[in-house]
């Protein structure tokens, strides 16, 4: 394993290419260790050099729905009746603090992501 600091975007691209090759490495192997170190280095570089800003709360909810195979009906315990779910997903209604707490507790969406949409 020959890991070097990431100091430029070119270094970053090389790290990504290497990571692609070893991403599926079996746990407990030297390639898995290298993968873990590369992920840490990449995250540190990106956090320092790129401002991604807060994630969009509606997109985060939709992403979690896709990940979990959830339907809008599955969101009713967190957001409210189907009409309210539809309004939130179509950006016609903002999230309330109560919705934020329920979505965080139930779907593990980070508070900072959900609060980006509270007015």
Protein backbone atom coordinates (compact mmCIF):
# COMPACT_ATOMS: atom_id res chain seq x y z
CA UNK A 1 0.00 0.00 0.00
CA UNK A 2 1.48 3.30 -1.12
CA UNK A 3 -0.78 6.12 0.01
CA UNK A 4 0.16 9.75 -0.46
CA UNK A 5 -1.53 12.94 0.72
CA UNK A 6 -4.12 14.49 -1.58
CA UNK A 7 -2.87 18.00 -2.36
CA UNK A 8 -4.52 18.78 -5.69
CA UNK A 9 -7.48 17.86 -7.86
CA UNK A 10 -5.15 15.65 -9.92
CA UNK A 11 -4.22 13.76 -6.75
CA UNK A 12 -7.91 13.50 -5.97
CA UNK A 13 -8.67 11.97 -9.37
CA UNK A 14 -5.87 9.44 -8.91
CA UNK A 15 -7.25 8.53 -5.48
CA UNK A 16 -10.73 8.04 -6.97
CA UNK A 17 -9.35 5.78 -9.72
CA UNK A 18 -7.53 3.65 -7.16
CA UNK A 19 -10.59 3.57 -4.93
CA UNK A 20 -12.72 2.28 -7.82
CA UNK A 21 -10.35 -0.67 -8.22
CA UNK A 22 -10.37 -1.68 -4.56
CA UNK A 23 -13.81 -0.55 -3.44
CA UNK A 24 -15.19 -4.11 -3.16
CA UNK A 25 -12.16 -5.44 -1.27
CA UNK A 26 -12.89 -8.10 1.31
CA UNK A 27 -12.80 -6.87 4.91
CA UNK A 28 -9.62 -7.68 6.79
CA UNK A 29 -7.40 -7.45 3.71
CA UNK A 30 -4.72 -4.89 3.02
CA UNK A 31 -6.83 -3.58 0.12
CA UNK A 32 -9.75 -2.99 2.49
CA UNK A 33 -7.40 -1.05 4.78
CA UNK A 34 -6.17 0.98 1.83
CA UNK A 35 -9.78 1.66 0.79
CA UNK A 36 -10.66 2.94 4.26
CA UNK A 37 -7.66 5.25 4.34
CA UNK A 38 -8.39 6.58 0.84
CA UNK A 39 -12.01 7.32 1.76
CA UNK A 40 -10.82 9.31 4.76
CA UNK A 41 -8.29 11.25 2.70
CA UNK A 42 -10.82 11.98 -0.05
CA UNK A 43 -13.41 13.20 2.46
CA UNK A 44 -10.87 15.44 4.18
CA UNK A 45 -9.75 16.97 0.88
CA UNK A 46 -13.32 17.53 -0.33
CA UNK A 47 -14.42 19.06 2.97
CA UNK A 48 -11.50 21.47 2.86
CA UNK A 49 -11.70 22.46 -0.82
CA UNK A 50 -15.34 22.12 -1.84
CA UNK A 51 -18.40 23.70 -0.27
CA UNK A 52 -21.29 21.44 -1.12
CA UNK A 53 -23.64 23.39 1.13
CA UNK A 54 -26.52 21.81 2.94
CA UNK A 55 -28.44 19.11 1.13
CA UNK A 56 -31.93 19.91 -0.09
CA UNK A 57 -34.41 18.49 2.43
CA UNK A 58 -36.95 17.30 -0.16
CA UNK A 59 -34.23 15.59 -2.18
CA UNK A 60 -32.94 13.96 1.01
CA UNK A 61 -36.44 12.63 1.75
CA UNK A 62 -36.81 11.34 -1.82
CA UNK A 63 -33.37 9.73 -1.63
CA UNK A 64 -34.30 7.97 1.62
CA UNK A 65 -37.56 6.83 0.01
CA UNK A 66 -35.64 5.37 -2.91
CA UNK A 67 -33.12 3.69 -0.61
CA UNK A 68 -35.83 2.08 1.49
CA UNK A 69 -38.35 1.37 -1.24
CA UNK A 70 -40.80 3.71 0.49
CA UNK A 71 -43.94 5.20 -1.01
CA UNK A 72 -45.50 8.57 -0.16
CA UNK A 73 -47.98 6.67 2.01
CA UNK A 74 -45.05 5.41 4.10
CA UNK A 75 -44.24 9.04 4.95
CA UNK A 76 -47.63 9.74 6.54
CA UNK A 77 -46.48 8.88 10.09
CA UNK A 78 -43.72 11.49 9.75
CA UNK A 79 -45.38 14.25 7.73
CA UNK A 80 -49.13 13.79 8.05
CA UNK A 81 -51.99 12.91 5.75
CA UNK A 82 -51.38 12.11 2.09
CA UNK A 83 -52.25 15.64 0.96
CA UNK A 84 -49.60 17.10 3.24
CA UNK A 85 -47.02 14.52 2.08
CA UNK A 86 -47.77 15.49 -1.52
CA UNK A 87 -47.41 19.19 -0.73
CA UNK A 88 -44.02 18.63 0.93
CA UNK A 89 -42.71 16.42 -1.87
CA UNK A 90 -43.90 18.95 -4.48
CA UNK A 91 -42.36 21.85 -2.52
CA UNK A 92 -45.70 23.54 -1.87
CA UNK A 93 -45.32 23.21 1.90
CA UNK A 94 -42.26 23.63 4.09
CA UNK A 95 -41.31 21.14 6.74
CA UNK A 96 -42.46 22.03 10.24
CA UNK A 97 -40.22 21.41 13.24
CA UNK A 98 -42.48 18.51 14.22
CA UNK A 99 -42.04 16.93 10.77
CA UNK A 100 -38.27 17.44 10.98
CA UNK A 101 -38.09 15.63 14.32
CA UNK A 102 -40.25 12.76 13.10
CA UNK A 103 -38.29 12.38 9.85
CA UNK A 104 -35.01 12.45 11.74
CA UNK A 105 -36.16 9.92 14.33
CA UNK A 106 -37.94 7.63 11.89
CA UNK A 107 -35.81 7.79 8.77
CA UNK A 108 -32.48 8.93 10.23
CA UNK A 109 -32.21 11.93 7.94
CA UNK A 110 -29.76 14.39 9.57
CA UNK A 111 -31.28 17.40 11.29
CA UNK A 112 -29.01 19.82 9.44
CA UNK A 113 -30.33 18.55 6.12
CA UNK A 114 -33.96 18.74 7.14
CA UNK A 115 -33.61 22.13 8.83
CA UNK A 116 -32.24 23.67 5.65
CA UNK A 117 -35.86 23.83 4.51
CA UNK A 118 -37.49 25.24 7.66
CA UNK A 119 -38.60 28.85 7.32
